Amino acid sequence: MATVGVIVAMAQTVKERDEFPQLLRFDPSRAFAMLRVQALAGDRASQLALGQMHLAGIGCERDGVEARHWFQRAAHQGDAMAMNMLGRCLEQGWGGEPDPELAAVWYRESADHGCDWGMFHYGHMLADGRGVKVDRTNAFHWFTQAANAGHGRAMHVLGEYYENGWETAADAQRAGELYRRSAEKGDYRGQCSWASVLTGQGRIDEACDVLRRVLAGAPTHFVESLREDLRRSGHAQLRDLALAAGE
């Protein structure tokens, strides 16, 4: 999840913000040192970005313990994304033992503070009963909130709720619209679901265009599974697409 762009966004309030993106790309160790000074001085954006650099090993060695420490400091200063990242550390066991119950607490805090990622992750905890009791109605609420805030992955999950009639009346048109919006946000699962909608409408050329983006950019395990599905398609163009992706 950690990229240069993500860290730049997290560190948007650093004093040298105009120079920081270039510095991060070409001299990450110096960027790390700059952030550390400002993080120690109490700047919560720098603390958040420093935690992400520790997590990703950008400008420093990977260190989950330090990442969790800096996310926690920023979270206690009220930073909503830091609350979400602290939840991730607690859920995944980055920098310490996993603690799904406490992860759910921090995701809820992040969601309540308006972070779309916090909403999305808290929705998943509720849907799966991880760290909290299963509550699919409340999960639907938080996925809706995250989608309304522009979260592409949440749009796809919410589309599945409408497609399958989970916690709401089935609505294929609404599901399709959510898949389209998710695809436009670049979510590869949303792109696959939108391609499926296009295929069902007979818009095979458009579906192929979308699927090419998925095959070029999705994780390897997802691409392999998709190729297997395409090989079994009743549409020759989709079968050819699977063959071309394996060349």
C-alpha atoms as a PDB file:
ATOM      1  CA  MET A   1       0.000   0.000   0.000  1.00  0.00           C
ATOM      2  CA  ALA A   2       2.924   2.295   0.678  1.00  0.00           C
ATOM      3  CA  THR A   3       4.062   4.351  -2.326  1.00  0.00           C
ATOM      4  CA  VAL A   4       5.904   7.609  -2.768  1.00  0.00           C
ATOM      5  CA  GLY A   5       2.604   9.258  -3.673  1.00  0.00           C
ATOM      6  CA  VAL A   6       0.923   7.991  -0.520  1.00  0.00           C
ATOM      7  CA  ILE A   7       3.734   9.298   1.678  1.00  0.00           C
ATOM      8  CA  VAL A   8       3.724  12.670  -0.078  1.00  0.00           C
ATOM      9  CA  ALA A   9      -0.015  12.956   0.583  1.00  0.00           C
ATOM     10  CA  MET A  10       0.438  11.980   4.226  1.00  0.00           C
ATOM     11  CA  ALA A  11       3.192  14.576   4.679  1.00  0.00           C
ATOM     12  CA  GLN A  12       1.270  17.408   3.056  1.00  0.00           C
ATOM     13  CA  THR A  13       1.884  19.827   5.935  1.00  0.00           C
ATOM     14  CA  VAL A  14       5.667  19.463   6.225  1.00  0.00           C
ATOM     15  CA  LYS A  15       7.478  22.789   6.123  1.00  0.00           C
ATOM     16  CA  GLU A  16       9.370  22.019   2.900  1.00  0.00           C
ATOM     17  CA  ARG A  17       6.278  20.572   1.233  1.00  0.00           C
ATOM     18  CA  ASP A  18       7.139  22.034  -2.191  1.00  0.00           C
ATOM     19  CA  GLU A  19      10.534  20.303  -2.181  1.00  0.00           C
ATOM     20  CA  PHE A  20       9.483  17.132  -0.379  1.00  0.00           C
ATOM     21  CA  PRO A  21       8.131  15.051  -3.320  1.00  0.00           C
ATOM     22  CA  GLN A  22      11.389  15.449  -5.255  1.00  0.00           C
ATOM     23  CA  LEU A  23      13.459  14.784  -2.174  1.00  0.00           C
ATOM     24  CA  LEU A  24      11.499  11.645  -1.363  1.00  0.00           C
ATOM     25  CA  ARG A  25      12.005  10.272  -4.860  1.00  0.00           C
ATOM     26  CA  PHE A  26      15.693  11.063  -5.250  1.00  0.00           C
ATOM     27  CA  ASP A  27      17.054  11.138  -1.696  1.00  0.00           C
ATOM     28  CA  PRO A  28      14.672   9.140   0.534  1.00  0.00           C
ATOM     29  CA  SER A  29      17.173   8.951   3.406  1.00  0.00           C
ATOM     30  CA  ARG A  30      17.309  12.737   3.594  1.00  0.00           C
ATOM     31  CA  ALA A  31      13.509  12.934   3.331  1.00  0.00           C
ATOM     32  CA  PHE A  32      13.275  10.454   6.189  1.00  0.00           C
ATOM     33  CA  ALA A  33      15.641  12.569   8.325  1.00  0.00           C
ATOM     34  CA  MET A  34      13.583  15.694   7.591  1.00  0.00           C
ATOM     35  CA  LEU A  35      10.349  14.005   8.595  1.00  0.00           C
ATOM     36  CA  ARG A  36      11.859  12.593  11.762  1.00  0.00           C
ATOM     37  CA  VAL A  37      12.891  16.052  12.980  1.00  0.00           C
ATOM     38  CA  GLN A  38       9.394  17.389  12.407  1.00  0.00           C
ATOM     39  CA  ALA A  39       7.750  14.265  13.827  1.00  0.00           C
ATOM     40  CA  LEU A  40       9.774  14.591  17.026  1.00  0.00           C
ATOM     41  CA  ALA A  41       8.633  18.217  17.202  1.00  0.00           C
ATOM     42  CA  GLY A  42       5.038  16.988  17.269  1.00  0.00           C
ATOM     43  CA  ASP A  43       3.876  17.495  13.675  1.00  0.00           C
ATOM     44  CA  ARG A  44       1.241  14.804  13.206  1.00  0.00           C
ATOM     45  CA  ALA A  45       1.407  14.744   9.385  1.00  0.00           C
ATOM     46  CA  SER A  46       5.135  14.057   9.644  1.00  0.00           C
ATOM     47  CA  GLN A  47       4.477  11.363  12.244  1.00  0.00           C
ATOM     48  CA  LEU A  48       1.983   9.683   9.938  1.00  0.00           C
ATOM     49  CA  ALA A  49       4.317   9.811   6.932  1.00  0.00           C
ATOM     50  CA  LEU A  50       7.278   8.635   9.035  1.00  0.00           C
ATOM     51  CA  GLY A  51       5.247   5.631  10.155  1.00  0.00           C
ATOM     52  CA  GLN A  52       4.504   4.792   6.530  1.00  0.00           C
ATOM     53  CA  MET A  53       8.188   5.086   5.602  1.00  0.00           C
ATOM     54  CA  HIS A  54       9.110   2.696   8.427  1.00  0.00           C
ATOM     55  CA  LEU A  55       6.380   0.311   7.287  1.00  0.00           C
ATOM     56  CA  ALA A  56       7.543   0.342   3.665  1.00  0.00           C
ATOM     57  CA  GLY A  57      11.274   0.611   4.257  1.00  0.00           C
ATOM     58  CA  ILE A  58      11.624   3.854   2.300  1.00  0.00           C
ATOM     59  CA  GLY A  59      14.646   5.861   3.434  1.00  0.00           C
ATOM     60  CA  CYS A  60      15.155   3.409   6.295  1.00  0.00           C
ATOM     61  CA  GLU A  61      14.985  -0.269   7.165  1.00  0.00           C
ATOM     62  CA  ARG A  62      11.514  -1.807   7.433  1.00  0.00           C
ATOM     63  CA  ASP A  63      10.487  -1.598  11.063  1.00  0.00           C
ATOM     64  CA  GLY A  64       6.934  -2.453  12.074  1.00  0.00           C
ATOM     65  CA  VAL A  65       7.537  -1.503  15.704  1.00  0.00           C
ATOM     66  CA  GLU A  66       8.599   2.038  14.755  1.00  0.00           C
ATOM     67  CA  ALA A  67       5.761   2.281  12.244  1.00  0.00           C
ATOM     68  CA  ARG A  68       3.210   1.373  14.897  1.00  0.00           C
ATOM     69  CA  HIS A  69       4.805   3.839  17.332  1.00  0.00           C
ATOM     70  CA  TRP A  70       4.516   6.793  14.959  1.00  0.00           C
ATOM     71  CA  PHE A  71       1.015   5.915  13.817  1.00  0.00           C
ATOM     72  CA  GLN A  72      -0.010   5.766  17.458  1.00  0.00           C
ATOM     73  CA  ARG A  73       1.489   9.187  18.207  1.00  0.00           C
ATOM     74  CA  ALA A  74      -0.330  10.766  15.271  1.00  0.00           C
ATOM     75  CA  ALA A  75      -3.552   8.926  16.115  1.00  0.00           C
ATOM     76  CA  HIS A  76      -3.512  10.283  19.650  1.00  0.00           C
ATOM     77  CA  GLN A  77      -3.254  13.760  18.127  1.00  0.00           C
ATOM     78  CA  GLY A  78      -6.511  13.127  16.260  1.00  0.00           C
ATOM     79  CA  ASP A  79      -5.229  12.195  12.808  1.00  0.00           C
ATOM     80  CA  ALA A  80      -7.919  10.031  11.171  1.00  0.00           C
ATOM     81  CA  MET A  81      -5.619   8.266   8.693  1.00  0.00           C
ATOM     82  CA  ALA A  82      -3.153   7.481  11.470  1.00  0.00           C
ATOM     83  CA  MET A  83      -6.024   5.902  13.406  1.00  0.00           C
ATOM     84  CA  ASN A  84      -6.711   3.716  10.372  1.00  0.00           C
ATOM     85  CA  MET A  85      -3.041   2.771   9.988  1.00  0.00           C
ATOM     86  CA  LEU A  86      -2.783   1.945  13.681  1.00  0.00           C
ATOM     87  CA  GLY A  87      -5.793  -0.296  13.159  1.00  0.00           C
ATOM     88  CA  ARG A  88      -3.992  -1.972  10.257  1.00  0.00           C
ATOM     89  CA  CYS A  89      -0.930  -2.619  12.413  1.00  0.00           C
ATOM     90  CA  LEU A  90      -3.098  -4.103  15.138  1.00  0.00           C
ATOM     91  CA  GLU A  91      -5.144  -6.209  12.737  1.00  0.00           C
ATOM     92  CA  GLN A  92      -2.196  -7.517  10.713  1.00  0.00           C
ATOM     93  CA  GLY A  93       0.318  -7.850  13.534  1.00  0.00           C
ATOM     94  CA  TRP A  94       2.748  -5.319  12.100  1.00  0.00           C
ATOM     95  CA  GLY A  95       5.137  -4.314  14.868  1.00  0.00           C
ATOM     96  CA  GLY A  96       3.565  -6.484  17.559  1.00  0.00           C
ATOM     97  CA  GLU A  97       0.992  -9.145  18.279  1.00  0.00           C
ATOM     98  CA  PRO A  98      -2.300  -8.938  16.368  1.00  0.00           C
ATOM     99  CA  ASP A  99      -5.171  -7.486  18.374  1.00  0.00           C
ATOM    100  CA  PRO A 100      -8.339  -7.479  16.240  1.00  0.00           C
ATOM    101  CA  GLU A 101     -10.510  -6.119  19.054  1.00  0.00           C
ATOM    102  CA  LEU A 102      -8.322  -3.032  19.484  1.00  0.00           C
ATOM    103  CA  ALA A 103      -7.958  -2.763  15.698  1.00  0.00           C
ATOM    104  CA  ALA A 104     -11.746  -2.507  15.424  1.00  0.00           C
ATOM    105  CA  VAL A 105     -11.748   0.266  18.046  1.00  0.00           C
ATOM    106  CA  TRP A 106      -9.248   2.312  16.058  1.00  0.00           C
ATOM    107  CA  TYR A 107     -11.013   1.674  12.746  1.00  0.00           C
ATOM    108  CA  ARG A 108     -14.232   2.927  14.314  1.00  0.00           C
ATOM    109  CA  GLU A 109     -12.419   6.024  15.613  1.00  0.00           C
ATOM    110  CA  SER A 110     -10.968   6.621  12.160  1.00  0.00           C
ATOM    111  CA  ALA A 111     -14.391   6.163  10.555  1.00  0.00           C
ATOM    112  CA  ASP A 112     -16.015   8.527  13.038  1.00  0.00           C
ATOM    113  CA  HIS A 113     -13.344  11.103  12.177  1.00  0.00           C
ATOM    114  CA  GLY A 114     -14.290  10.907   8.484  1.00  0.00           C
ATOM    115  CA  CYS A 115     -11.520   8.697   7.033  1.00  0.00           C
ATOM    116  CA  ASP A 116     -12.826   6.633   4.102  1.00  0.00           C
ATOM    117  CA  TRP A 117     -10.229   3.902   4.683  1.00  0.00           C
ATOM    118  CA  GLY A 118     -11.301   3.673   8.325  1.00  0.00           C
ATOM    119  CA  MET A 119     -14.918   3.316   7.194  1.00  0.00           C
ATOM    120  CA  PHE A 120     -13.959   0.605   4.714  1.00  0.00           C
ATOM    121  CA  HIS A 121     -11.875  -1.420   7.163  1.00  0.00           C
ATOM    122  CA  TYR A 122     -14.413  -1.086   9.966  1.00  0.00           C
ATOM    123  CA  GLY A 123     -17.097  -2.295   7.561  1.00  0.00           C
ATOM    124  CA  HIS A 124     -15.035  -5.402   6.852  1.00  0.00           C
ATOM    125  CA  MET A 125     -14.513  -6.099  10.550  1.00  0.00           C
ATOM    126  CA  LEU A 126     -18.278  -5.936  11.063  1.00  0.00           C
ATOM    127  CA  ALA A 127     -19.031  -8.067   8.013  1.00  0.00           C
ATOM    128  CA  ASP A 128     -16.523 -10.750   9.010  1.00  0.00           C
ATOM    129  CA  GLY A 129     -17.076 -10.621  12.773  1.00  0.00           C
ATOM    130  CA  ARG A 130     -13.401  -9.918  13.309  1.00  0.00           C
ATOM    131  CA  GLY A 131     -12.722  -8.074  16.566  1.00  0.00           C
ATOM    132  CA  VAL A 132     -16.434  -7.326  16.888  1.00  0.00           C
ATOM    133  CA  LYS A 133     -19.690  -9.253  16.605  1.00  0.00           C
ATOM    134  CA  VAL A 134     -20.957  -9.864  13.085  1.00  0.00           C
ATOM    135  CA  ASP A 135     -23.237  -7.002  12.111  1.00  0.00           C
ATOM    136  CA  ARG A 136     -23.833  -6.988   8.375  1.00  0.00           C
ATOM    137  CA  THR A 137     -26.425  -4.211   8.601  1.00  0.00           C
ATOM    138  CA  ASN A 138     -23.879  -1.889  10.192  1.00  0.00           C
ATOM    139  CA  ALA A 139     -21.238  -3.106   7.733  1.00  0.00           C
ATOM    140  CA  PHE A 140     -23.537  -2.077   4.880  1.00  0.00           C
ATOM    141  CA  HIS A 141     -23.865   1.348   6.514  1.00  0.00           C
ATOM    142  CA  TRP A 142     -20.094   1.868   6.677  1.00  0.00           C
ATOM    143  CA  PHE A 143     -19.442   0.591   3.169  1.00  0.00           C
ATOM    144  CA  THR A 144     -22.091   3.061   2.000  1.00  0.00           C
ATOM    145  CA  GLN A 145     -20.415   5.883   3.913  1.00  0.00           C
ATOM    146  CA  ALA A 146     -17.017   5.005   2.444  1.00  0.00           C
ATOM    147  CA  ALA A 147     -18.407   4.751  -1.089  1.00  0.00           C
ATOM    148  CA  ASN A 148     -20.128   8.121  -0.680  1.00  0.00           C
ATOM    149  CA  ALA A 149     -16.752   9.526   0.374  1.00  0.00           C
ATOM    150  CA  GLY A 150     -15.266   8.337  -2.935  1.00  0.00           C
ATOM    151  CA  HIS A 151     -13.584   5.098  -1.843  1.00  0.00           C
ATOM    152  CA  GLY A 152     -13.192   2.867  -4.919  1.00  0.00           C
ATOM    153  CA  ARG A 153     -12.853  -0.475  -3.130  1.00  0.00           C
ATOM    154  CA  ALA A 154     -15.881   0.282  -0.976  1.00  0.00           C
ATOM    155  CA  MET A 155     -17.871   1.024  -4.121  1.00  0.00           C
ATOM    156  CA  HIS A 156     -17.117  -2.467  -5.371  1.00  0.00           C
ATOM    157  CA  VAL A 157     -18.061  -4.144  -2.084  1.00  0.00           C
ATOM    158  CA  LEU A 158     -21.257  -2.110  -1.907  1.00  0.00           C
ATOM    159  CA  GLY A 159     -22.027  -3.150  -5.477  1.00  0.00           C
ATOM    160  CA  GLU A 160     -21.870  -6.778  -4.360  1.00  0.00           C
ATOM    161  CA  TYR A 161     -24.390  -6.015  -1.614  1.00  0.00           C
ATOM    162  CA  TYR A 162     -26.815  -4.598  -4.181  1.00  0.00           C
ATOM    163  CA  GLU A 163     -26.154  -7.340  -6.718  1.00  0.00           C
ATOM    164  CA  ASN A 164     -26.780 -10.111  -4.201  1.00  0.00           C
ATOM    165  CA  GLY A 165     -29.492  -8.425  -2.113  1.00  0.00           C
ATOM    166  CA  TRP A 166     -27.402  -8.458   1.074  1.00  0.00           C
ATOM    167  CA  GLU A 167     -28.922  -6.189   3.747  1.00  0.00           C
ATOM    168  CA  THR A 168     -30.842  -4.354   1.031  1.00  0.00           C
ATOM    169  CA  ALA A 169     -33.169  -5.077  -1.878  1.00  0.00           C
ATOM    170  CA  ALA A 170     -31.358  -6.508  -4.892  1.00  0.00           C
ATOM    171  CA  ASP A 171     -30.797  -3.762  -7.469  1.00  0.00           C
ATOM    172  CA  ALA A 172     -28.780  -4.760 -10.536  1.00  0.00           C
ATOM    173  CA  GLN A 173     -28.804  -1.236 -11.952  1.00  0.00           C
ATOM    174  CA  ARG A 174     -27.422   0.240  -8.724  1.00  0.00           C
ATOM    175  CA  ALA A 175     -24.817  -2.536  -8.530  1.00  0.00           C
ATOM    176  CA  GLY A 176     -23.702  -1.849 -12.083  1.00  0.00           C
ATOM    177  CA  GLU A 177     -23.358   1.864 -11.417  1.00  0.00           C
ATOM    178  CA  LEU A 178     -21.221   1.175  -8.345  1.00  0.00           C
ATOM    179  CA  TYR A 179     -19.029  -1.236 -10.313  1.00  0.00           C
ATOM    180  CA  ARG A 180     -18.561   1.393 -13.021  1.00  0.00           C
ATOM    181  CA  ARG A 181     -17.557   4.035 -10.495  1.00  0.00           C
ATOM    182  CA  SER A 182     -15.218   1.613  -8.746  1.00  0.00           C
ATOM    183  CA  ALA A 183     -13.597   0.760 -12.080  1.00  0.00           C
ATOM    184  CA  GLU A 184     -13.124   4.439 -12.861  1.00  0.00           C
ATOM    185  CA  LYS A 185     -11.339   4.792  -9.520  1.00  0.00           C
ATOM    186  CA  GLY A 186      -8.892   2.105 -10.657  1.00  0.00           C
ATOM    187  CA  ASP A 187      -9.968  -0.708  -8.342  1.00  0.00           C
ATOM    188  CA  TYR A 188      -9.139  -3.948 -10.147  1.00  0.00           C
ATOM    189  CA  ARG A 189     -12.001  -5.893  -8.560  1.00  0.00           C
ATOM    190  CA  GLY A 190     -14.383  -3.141  -9.581  1.00  0.00           C
ATOM    191  CA  GLN A 191     -12.944  -3.244 -13.089  1.00  0.00           C
ATOM    192  CA  CYS A 192     -13.599  -6.996 -13.310  1.00  0.00           C
ATOM    193  CA  SER A 193     -17.161  -6.615 -12.112  1.00  0.00           C
ATOM    194  CA  TRP A 194     -17.771  -3.735 -14.517  1.00  0.00           C
ATOM    195  CA  ALA A 195     -16.331  -5.826 -17.363  1.00  0.00           C
ATOM    196  CA  SER A 196     -18.805  -8.550 -16.404  1.00  0.00           C
ATOM    197  CA  VAL A 197     -21.659  -6.050 -16.641  1.00  0.00           C
ATOM    198  CA  LEU A 198     -20.415  -4.882 -20.048  1.00  0.00           C
ATOM    199  CA  THR A 199     -20.154  -8.487 -21.225  1.00  0.00           C
ATOM    200  CA  GLY A 200     -23.723  -9.151 -20.124  1.00  0.00           C
ATOM    201  CA  GLN A 201     -24.806  -6.161 -22.216  1.00  0.00           C
ATOM    202  CA  GLY A 202     -22.968  -7.487 -25.255  1.00  0.00           C
ATOM    203  CA  ARG A 203     -20.351  -4.728 -25.121  1.00  0.00           C
ATOM    204  CA  ILE A 204     -17.452  -7.149 -25.533  1.00  0.00           C
ATOM    205  CA  ASP A 205     -14.920  -4.707 -26.997  1.00  0.00           C
ATOM    206  CA  GLU A 206     -15.399  -2.372 -24.039  1.00  0.00           C
ATOM    207  CA  ALA A 207     -15.145  -5.277 -21.606  1.00  0.00           C
ATOM    208  CA  CYS A 208     -11.847  -6.323 -23.214  1.00  0.00           C
ATOM    209  CA  ASP A 209     -10.455  -2.803 -22.846  1.00  0.00           C
ATOM    210  CA  VAL A 210     -11.268  -2.844 -19.125  1.00  0.00           C
ATOM    211  CA  LEU A 211      -9.885  -6.343 -18.619  1.00  0.00           C
ATOM    212  CA  ARG A 212      -6.599  -5.447 -20.309  1.00  0.00           C
ATOM    213  CA  ARG A 213      -6.056  -2.859 -17.582  1.00  0.00           C
ATOM    214  CA  VAL A 214      -6.744  -5.484 -14.929  1.00  0.00           C
ATOM    215  CA  LEU A 215      -4.363  -7.996 -16.505  1.00  0.00           C
ATOM    216  CA  ALA A 216      -1.652  -5.327 -16.679  1.00  0.00           C
ATOM    217  CA  GLY A 217      -1.975  -3.986 -13.166  1.00  0.00           C
ATOM    218  CA  ALA A 218      -3.636  -6.412 -10.739  1.00  0.00           C
ATOM    219  CA  PRO A 219      -1.700  -8.669  -8.323  1.00  0.00           C
ATOM    220  CA  THR A 220      -0.296 -11.841  -9.867  1.00  0.00           C
ATOM    221  CA  HIS A 221      -2.603 -14.220  -8.001  1.00  0.00           C
ATOM    222  CA  PHE A 222      -5.659 -12.277  -9.161  1.00  0.00           C
ATOM    223  CA  VAL A 223      -4.437 -12.154 -12.764  1.00  0.00           C
ATOM    224  CA  GLU A 224      -3.903 -15.910 -12.852  1.00  0.00           C
ATOM    225  CA  SER A 225      -7.399 -16.568 -11.519  1.00  0.00           C
ATOM    226  CA  LEU A 226      -8.874 -14.114 -14.022  1.00  0.00           C
ATOM    227  CA  ARG A 227      -7.063 -15.745 -16.911  1.00  0.00           C
ATOM    228  CA  GLU A 228      -8.528 -19.118 -15.928  1.00  0.00           C
ATOM    229  CA  ASP A 229     -12.016 -17.609 -15.902  1.00  0.00           C
ATOM    230  CA  LEU A 230     -11.471 -15.974 -19.294  1.00  0.00           C
ATOM    231  CA  ARG A 231     -10.266 -19.232 -20.831  1.00  0.00           C
ATOM    232  CA  ARG A 232     -13.676 -20.733 -20.008  1.00  0.00           C
ATOM    233  CA  SER A 233     -15.627 -17.796 -21.445  1.00  0.00           C
ATOM    234  CA  GLY A 234     -18.251 -18.356 -24.105  1.00  0.00           C
ATOM    235  CA  HIS A 235     -16.882 -15.315 -25.973  1.00  0.00           C
ATOM    236  CA  ALA A 236     -13.962 -15.902 -28.315  1.00  0.00           C
ATOM    237  CA  GLN A 237     -12.586 -12.387 -27.727  1.00  0.00           C
ATOM    238  CA  LEU A 238     -12.308 -13.019 -24.010  1.00  0.00           C
ATOM    239  CA  ARG A 239     -10.653 -16.400 -24.561  1.00  0.00           C
ATOM    240  CA  ASP A 240      -8.167 -14.743 -26.921  1.00  0.00           C
ATOM    241  CA  LEU A 241      -7.501 -12.103 -24.285  1.00  0.00           C
ATOM    242  CA  ALA A 242      -6.544 -14.806 -21.781  1.00  0.00           C
ATOM    243  CA  LEU A 243      -4.153 -16.369 -24.307  1.00  0.00           C
ATOM    244  CA  ALA A 244      -2.560 -13.022 -25.135  1.00  0.00           C
ATOM    245  CA  ALA A 245      -2.046 -12.262 -21.438  1.00  0.00           C
ATOM    246  CA  GLY A 246      -0.033 -15.477 -21.060  1.00  0.00           C
ATOM    247  CA  GLU A 247       2.412 -14.684 -23.855  1.00  0.00           C
END
